[in-house]
Amino acid sequence: MTPMPPEVPRTLAAHRMIIGKVQVVLAHRKMPLGALEALSLALLPPERIVIKEAKRLALILGSAPYQTVERLHKHGLVACSGGDKSRYGRLAVELTPKGIELAEAIRKALGGADVVRMEAAE
């Protein structure tokens, strides 16, 4: 049997720690989001960005960026503009005050904005 490289268990442990911290923030705020949705929120800039560009820059995590944005919008965390369901390529998103507050809480729990971006890139 081929042994697992030593960095794999360390990486998995780090990811579990990140997910756990995000879940604690969400639980305290009674926010029914998944960890990847919440991390995506924390990665988004406060200014308007086209969803397609946010996905290209790896600011929206997961394989379904429009569904992630739809859930964030449903909970009042982002506002959408510039498109509709038939023109996803032009749809843009912007954090609401509620979204900015939650994103900041998540970043703070993880040690700051730079840590969130660095961890998401790994």
N, C-alpha and C. Protein backbone atom coordinates (compact mmCIF):
# COMPACT_ATOMS: atom_id res chain seq x y z
N MET A 1 0.85 -1.18 0.00
CA MET A 1 0.00 0.00 0.00
C MET A 1 0.90 1.25 0.00
N THR A 2 0.54 2.20 -0.84
CA THR A 2 1.29 3.45 -0.94
C THR A 2 0.90 4.36 0.23
N PRO A 3 1.90 4.87 0.97
CA PRO A 3 1.55 5.76 2.08
C PRO A 3 1.06 7.11 1.58
N MET A 4 0.22 7.72 2.38
CA MET A 4 -0.31 9.04 2.04
C MET A 4 0.78 10.08 2.32
N PRO A 5 0.95 11.05 1.42
CA PRO A 5 1.93 12.11 1.69
C PRO A 5 1.57 12.83 3.00
N PRO A 6 2.57 13.20 3.80
CA PRO A 6 2.29 13.78 5.12
C PRO A 6 1.51 15.09 5.07
N GLU A 7 1.59 15.82 3.96
CA GLU A 7 0.86 17.10 3.90
C GLU A 7 -0.65 16.91 3.76
N VAL A 8 -1.10 15.75 3.28
CA VAL A 8 -2.53 15.53 3.09
C VAL A 8 -3.29 15.54 4.41
N PRO A 9 -2.90 14.77 5.42
CA PRO A 9 -3.63 14.84 6.69
C PRO A 9 -3.58 16.23 7.33
N ARG A 10 -2.44 16.92 7.20
CA ARG A 10 -2.35 18.28 7.76
C ARG A 10 -3.31 19.22 7.05
N THR A 11 -3.38 19.10 5.73
CA THR A 11 -4.28 19.96 4.95
C THR A 11 -5.73 19.68 5.30
N LEU A 12 -6.08 18.41 5.42
CA LEU A 12 -7.46 18.05 5.79
C LEU A 12 -7.81 18.56 7.18
N ALA A 13 -6.87 18.46 8.11
CA ALA A 13 -7.11 18.97 9.47
C ALA A 13 -7.31 20.48 9.44
N ALA A 14 -6.52 21.19 8.64
CA ALA A 14 -6.67 22.64 8.52
C ALA A 14 -8.03 23.01 7.93
N HIS A 15 -8.46 22.26 6.92
CA HIS A 15 -9.77 22.53 6.32
C HIS A 15 -10.89 22.28 7.31
N ARG A 16 -10.78 21.20 8.09
CA ARG A 16 -11.80 20.93 9.10
C ARG A 16 -11.87 22.06 10.13
N MET A 17 -10.70 22.59 10.50
CA MET A 17 -10.66 23.68 11.46
C MET A 17 -11.35 24.93 10.89
N ILE A 18 -11.06 25.24 9.62
CA ILE A 18 -11.68 26.40 8.97
C ILE A 18 -13.19 26.23 8.90
N ILE A 19 -13.63 25.07 8.44
CA ILE A 19 -15.07 24.79 8.33
C ILE A 19 -15.73 24.92 9.70
N GLY A 20 -15.09 24.38 10.72
CA GLY A 20 -15.63 24.45 12.08
C GLY A 20 -15.80 25.88 12.57
N LYS A 21 -14.80 26.72 12.32
CA LYS A 21 -14.88 28.12 12.74
C LYS A 21 -16.02 28.84 12.01
N VAL A 22 -16.16 28.57 10.72
CA VAL A 22 -17.24 29.19 9.94
C VAL A 22 -18.59 28.71 10.46
N GLN A 23 -18.71 27.44 10.75
CA GLN A 23 -19.98 26.90 11.25
C GLN A 23 -20.36 27.52 12.60
N VAL A 24 -19.37 27.81 13.44
CA VAL A 24 -19.65 28.46 14.73
C VAL A 24 -20.24 29.85 14.50
N VAL A 25 -19.64 30.63 13.60
CA VAL A 25 -20.16 31.97 13.29
C VAL A 25 -21.59 31.86 12.77
N LEU A 26 -21.83 30.93 11.85
CA LEU A 26 -23.17 30.77 11.28
C LEU A 26 -24.18 30.35 12.34
N ALA A 27 -23.77 29.45 13.24
CA ALA A 27 -24.68 28.99 14.29
C ALA A 27 -25.03 30.12 15.25
N HIS A 28 -24.04 30.94 15.63
CA HIS A 28 -24.31 32.05 16.54
C HIS A 28 -25.28 33.06 15.93
N ARG A 29 -25.25 33.18 14.63
CA ARG A 29 -26.12 34.14 13.95
C ARG A 29 -27.39 33.47 13.39
N LYS A 30 -27.54 32.18 13.66
CA LYS A 30 -28.70 31.42 13.18
C LYS A 30 -28.88 31.59 11.67
N MET A 31 -27.77 31.49 10.95
CA MET A 31 -27.76 31.69 9.50
C MET A 31 -27.66 30.31 8.83
N PRO A 32 -28.71 29.89 8.12
CA PRO A 32 -28.73 28.56 7.51
C PRO A 32 -27.97 28.50 6.17
N LEU A 33 -26.67 28.70 6.23
CA LEU A 33 -25.83 28.62 5.04
C LEU A 33 -24.84 27.48 5.21
N GLY A 34 -24.35 26.99 4.09
CA GLY A 34 -23.26 26.03 4.11
C GLY A 34 -21.94 26.75 4.27
N ALA A 35 -20.91 26.02 4.67
CA ALA A 35 -19.60 26.62 4.90
C ALA A 35 -19.02 27.24 3.63
N LEU A 36 -19.17 26.57 2.47
CA LEU A 36 -18.63 27.13 1.23
C LEU A 36 -19.36 28.41 0.82
N GLU A 37 -20.65 28.45 1.05
CA GLU A 37 -21.41 29.68 0.76
C GLU A 37 -20.91 30.82 1.65
N ALA A 38 -20.71 30.52 2.93
CA ALA A 38 -20.25 31.54 3.86
C ALA A 38 -18.83 32.00 3.53
N LEU A 39 -17.96 31.06 3.16
CA LEU A 39 -16.60 31.43 2.77
C LEU A 39 -16.61 32.26 1.50
N SER A 40 -17.49 31.93 0.57
CA SER A 40 -17.63 32.73 -0.65
C SER A 40 -18.02 34.15 -0.30
N LEU A 41 -18.96 34.30 0.61
CA LEU A 41 -19.38 35.63 1.06
C LEU A 41 -18.20 36.40 1.63
N ALA A 42 -17.38 35.73 2.43
CA ALA A 42 -16.23 36.38 3.06
C ALA A 42 -15.16 36.77 2.04
N LEU A 43 -15.12 36.08 0.91
CA LEU A 43 -14.14 36.37 -0.13
C LEU A 43 -14.58 37.49 -1.07
N LEU A 44 -15.89 37.69 -1.20
CA LEU A 44 -16.39 38.71 -2.13
C LEU A 44 -15.99 40.11 -1.70
N PRO A 45 -15.67 40.97 -2.67
CA PRO A 45 -15.38 42.36 -2.32
C PRO A 45 -16.68 43.08 -1.98
N PRO A 46 -16.60 44.18 -1.21
CA PRO A 46 -17.83 44.90 -0.87
C PRO A 46 -18.46 45.62 -2.06
N GLU A 47 -17.66 45.90 -3.10
CA GLU A 47 -18.21 46.58 -4.27
C GLU A 47 -18.78 45.57 -5.27
N ARG A 48 -19.57 46.06 -6.18
CA ARG A 48 -20.24 45.25 -7.20
C ARG A 48 -19.22 44.50 -8.05
N ILE A 49 -19.49 43.21 -8.31
CA ILE A 49 -18.64 42.40 -9.17
C ILE A 49 -19.52 41.45 -9.98
N VAL A 50 -19.19 41.27 -11.24
CA VAL A 50 -19.92 40.33 -12.09
C VAL A 50 -19.61 38.92 -11.59
N ILE A 51 -20.64 38.11 -11.46
CA ILE A 51 -20.48 36.77 -10.89
C ILE A 51 -19.49 35.94 -11.69
N LYS A 52 -19.54 36.04 -12.99
CA LYS A 52 -18.62 35.29 -13.83
C LYS A 52 -17.17 35.65 -13.50
N GLU A 53 -16.89 36.92 -13.26
CA GLU A 53 -15.55 37.38 -12.89
C GLU A 53 -15.18 36.90 -11.49
N ALA A 54 -16.13 36.94 -10.57
CA ALA A 54 -15.88 36.48 -9.20
C ALA A 54 -15.53 35.00 -9.20
N LYS A 55 -16.19 34.22 -10.03
CA LYS A 55 -15.87 32.79 -10.13
C LYS A 55 -14.48 32.60 -10.73
N ARG A 56 -14.16 33.37 -11.77
CA ARG A 56 -12.84 33.27 -12.41
C ARG A 56 -11.73 33.58 -11.42
N LEU A 57 -11.97 34.54 -10.53
CA LEU A 57 -10.98 34.94 -9.53
C LEU A 57 -11.02 34.04 -8.29
N ALA A 58 -11.84 33.00 -8.31
CA ALA A 58 -11.98 32.05 -7.20
C ALA A 58 -12.51 32.72 -5.93
N LEU A 59 -13.38 33.71 -6.10
CA LEU A 59 -14.01 34.38 -4.97
C LEU A 59 -15.30 33.68 -4.57
N ILE A 60 -15.88 32.94 -5.51
CA ILE A 60 -17.06 32.14 -5.22
C ILE A 60 -16.62 30.69 -5.32
N LEU A 61 -16.72 29.98 -4.21
CA LEU A 61 -16.23 28.61 -4.13
C LEU A 61 -17.31 27.62 -4.57
N GLY A 62 -16.88 26.47 -4.99
CA GLY A 62 -17.81 25.43 -5.41
C GLY A 62 -18.05 25.47 -6.91
N SER A 63 -18.82 24.52 -7.37
CA SER A 63 -19.04 24.38 -8.81
C SER A 63 -20.32 25.05 -9.31
N ALA A 64 -21.09 25.64 -8.42
CA ALA A 64 -22.37 26.24 -8.81
C ALA A 64 -22.46 27.68 -8.31
N PRO A 65 -21.71 28.61 -8.93
CA PRO A 65 -21.67 29.98 -8.42
C PRO A 65 -23.02 30.69 -8.40
N TYR A 66 -23.86 30.45 -9.40
CA TYR A 66 -25.14 31.16 -9.45
C TYR A 66 -26.09 30.67 -8.36
N GLN A 67 -26.01 29.37 -8.04
CA GLN A 67 -26.83 28.84 -6.96
C GLN A 67 -26.33 29.37 -5.61
N THR A 68 -25.01 29.51 -5.47
CA THR A 68 -24.46 30.09 -4.24
C THR A 68 -24.95 31.52 -4.07
N VAL A 69 -24.87 32.30 -5.13
CA VAL A 69 -25.33 33.69 -5.08
C VAL A 69 -26.83 33.74 -4.80
N GLU A 70 -27.58 32.84 -5.38
CA GLU A 70 -29.02 32.81 -5.16
C GLU A 70 -29.34 32.59 -3.67
N ARG A 71 -28.60 31.68 -3.04
CA ARG A 71 -28.82 31.43 -1.60
C ARG A 71 -28.41 32.65 -0.76
N LEU A 72 -27.29 33.27 -1.11
CA LEU A 72 -26.85 34.46 -0.38
C LEU A 72 -27.88 35.58 -0.53
N HIS A 73 -28.43 35.70 -1.73
CA HIS A 73 -29.46 36.71 -2.01
C HIS A 73 -30.73 36.42 -1.21
N LYS A 74 -31.11 35.16 -1.16
CA LYS A 74 -32.31 34.74 -0.43
C LYS A 74 -32.25 35.16 1.04
N HIS A 75 -31.05 35.17 1.60
CA HIS A 75 -30.88 35.52 3.01
C HIS A 75 -30.51 36.99 3.21
N GLY A 76 -30.61 37.79 2.14
CA GLY A 76 -30.39 39.22 2.26
C GLY A 76 -28.93 39.63 2.43
N LEU A 77 -28.01 38.77 2.01
CA LEU A 77 -26.58 39.04 2.20
C LEU A 77 -25.94 39.71 0.99
N VAL A 78 -26.57 39.54 -0.18
CA VAL A 78 -26.09 40.18 -1.40
C VAL A 78 -27.27 40.73 -2.19
N ALA A 79 -27.00 41.73 -3.00
CA ALA A 79 -27.98 42.26 -3.94
C ALA A 79 -27.48 41.93 -5.34
N CYS A 80 -28.37 41.54 -6.21
CA CYS A 80 -28.01 41.19 -7.59
C CYS A 80 -28.50 42.27 -8.54
N SER A 81 -27.74 42.47 -9.62
CA SER A 81 -28.13 43.47 -10.61
C SER A 81 -27.50 43.15 -11.95
N GLY A 82 -28.04 43.79 -12.99
CA GLY A 82 -27.42 43.72 -14.31
C GLY A 82 -27.71 42.50 -15.14
N GLY A 83 -28.65 41.71 -14.77
CA GLY A 83 -28.96 40.53 -15.57
C GLY A 83 -30.18 39.82 -15.02
N ASP A 84 -30.48 38.70 -15.61
CA ASP A 84 -31.58 37.87 -15.13
C ASP A 84 -31.20 36.41 -15.36
N LYS A 85 -32.12 35.53 -15.04
CA LYS A 85 -31.83 34.10 -15.16
C LYS A 85 -31.44 33.69 -16.56
N SER A 86 -31.91 34.41 -17.58
CA SER A 86 -31.58 34.04 -18.96
C SER A 86 -30.24 34.61 -19.41
N ARG A 87 -29.66 35.54 -18.62
CA ARG A 87 -28.38 36.17 -18.98
C ARG A 87 -27.42 36.12 -17.81
N TYR A 88 -27.11 34.93 -17.34
CA TYR A 88 -26.24 34.78 -16.19
C TYR A 88 -24.89 35.47 -16.38
N GLY A 89 -24.36 35.51 -17.59
CA GLY A 89 -23.05 36.08 -17.84
C GLY A 89 -22.89 37.52 -17.41
N ARG A 90 -23.99 38.27 -17.32
CA ARG A 90 -23.91 39.70 -16.95
C ARG A 90 -24.39 39.98 -15.53
N LEU A 91 -24.88 38.98 -14.86
CA LEU A 91 -25.40 39.17 -13.51
C LEU A 91 -24.26 39.55 -12.55
N ALA A 92 -24.49 40.59 -11.78
CA ALA A 92 -23.48 41.06 -10.83
C ALA A 92 -24.05 40.97 -9.42
N VAL A 93 -23.15 40.99 -8.46
CA VAL A 93 -23.52 40.85 -7.06
C VAL A 93 -22.77 41.91 -6.25
N GLU A 94 -23.44 42.36 -5.19
CA GLU A 94 -22.84 43.33 -4.28
C GLU A 94 -23.29 43.00 -2.86
N LEU A 95 -22.38 43.06 -1.91
CA LEU A 95 -22.73 42.76 -0.53
C LEU A 95 -23.69 43.82 0.02
N THR A 96 -24.66 43.37 0.77
CA THR A 96 -25.55 44.27 1.49
C THR A 96 -24.89 44.59 2.84
N PRO A 97 -25.42 45.56 3.58
CA PRO A 97 -24.87 45.80 4.92
C PRO A 97 -24.87 44.54 5.79
N LYS A 98 -25.93 43.76 5.71
CA LYS A 98 -26.01 42.50 6.46
C LYS A 98 -24.92 41.53 5.98
N GLY A 99 -24.69 41.49 4.67
CA GLY A 99 -23.65 40.63 4.11
C GLY A 99 -22.25 41.07 4.52
N ILE A 100 -22.03 42.39 4.53
CA ILE A 100 -20.73 42.92 4.95
C ILE A 100 -20.47 42.55 6.41
N GLU A 101 -21.48 42.67 7.24
CA GLU A 101 -21.34 42.34 8.66
C GLU A 101 -20.99 40.86 8.87
N LEU A 102 -21.71 39.97 8.17
CA LEU A 102 -21.43 38.54 8.31
C LEU A 102 -20.07 38.18 7.72
N ALA A 103 -19.73 38.75 6.58
CA ALA A 103 -18.43 38.49 5.96
C ALA A 103 -17.30 38.90 6.90
N GLU A 104 -17.45 40.05 7.54
CA GLU A 104 -16.43 40.52 8.47
C GLU A 104 -16.32 39.59 9.68
N ALA A 105 -17.44 39.10 10.18
CA ALA A 105 -17.43 38.18 11.32
C ALA A 105 -16.70 36.88 10.95
N ILE A 106 -16.93 36.40 9.74
CA ILE A 106 -16.26 35.18 9.29
C ILE A 106 -14.76 35.42 9.16
N ARG A 107 -14.39 36.55 8.53
CA ARG A 107 -12.96 36.88 8.38
C ARG A 107 -12.28 36.99 9.74
N LYS A 108 -12.96 37.64 10.67
CA LYS A 108 -12.40 37.81 12.00
C LYS A 108 -12.20 36.46 12.68
N ALA A 109 -13.18 35.57 12.56
CA ALA A 109 -13.07 34.24 13.17
C ALA A 109 -11.91 33.45 12.58
N LEU A 110 -11.59 33.72 11.33
CA LEU A 110 -10.50 32.99 10.66
C LEU A 110 -9.16 33.71 10.75
N GLY A 111 -9.14 34.87 11.37
CA GLY A 111 -7.88 35.56 11.54
C GLY A 111 -7.62 36.70 10.59
N GLY A 112 -8.62 37.13 9.83
CA GLY A 112 -8.46 38.28 8.95
C GLY A 112 -8.67 37.94 7.49
N ALA A 113 -8.85 38.97 6.67
CA ALA A 113 -9.16 38.81 5.25
C ALA A 113 -8.05 38.10 4.49
N ASP A 114 -6.79 38.41 4.80
CA ASP A 114 -5.68 37.79 4.07
C ASP A 114 -5.64 36.28 4.32
N VAL A 115 -5.95 35.87 5.55
CA VAL A 115 -5.97 34.44 5.87
C VAL A 115 -7.06 33.74 5.08
N VAL A 116 -8.23 34.35 4.98
CA VAL A 116 -9.34 33.75 4.24
C VAL A 116 -8.94 33.56 2.78
N ARG A 117 -8.36 34.56 2.16
CA ARG A 117 -7.97 34.46 0.76
C ARG A 117 -6.89 33.40 0.56
N MET A 118 -5.91 33.35 1.47
CA MET A 118 -4.82 32.40 1.36
C MET A 118 -5.36 30.98 1.51
N GLU A 119 -6.21 30.74 2.51
CA GLU A 119 -6.76 29.40 2.73
C GLU A 119 -7.64 28.95 1.58
N ALA A 120 -8.41 29.86 1.01
CA ALA A 120 -9.29 29.51 -0.11
C ALA A 120 -8.47 29.13 -1.34
N ALA A 121 -7.30 29.72 -1.50
CA ALA A 121 -6.46 29.43 -2.65
C ALA A 121 -5.83 28.05 -2.57
N GLU A 122 -5.70 27.50 -1.36
CA GLU A 122 -5.02 26.20 -1.21
C GLU A 122 -5.84 25.04 -1.66
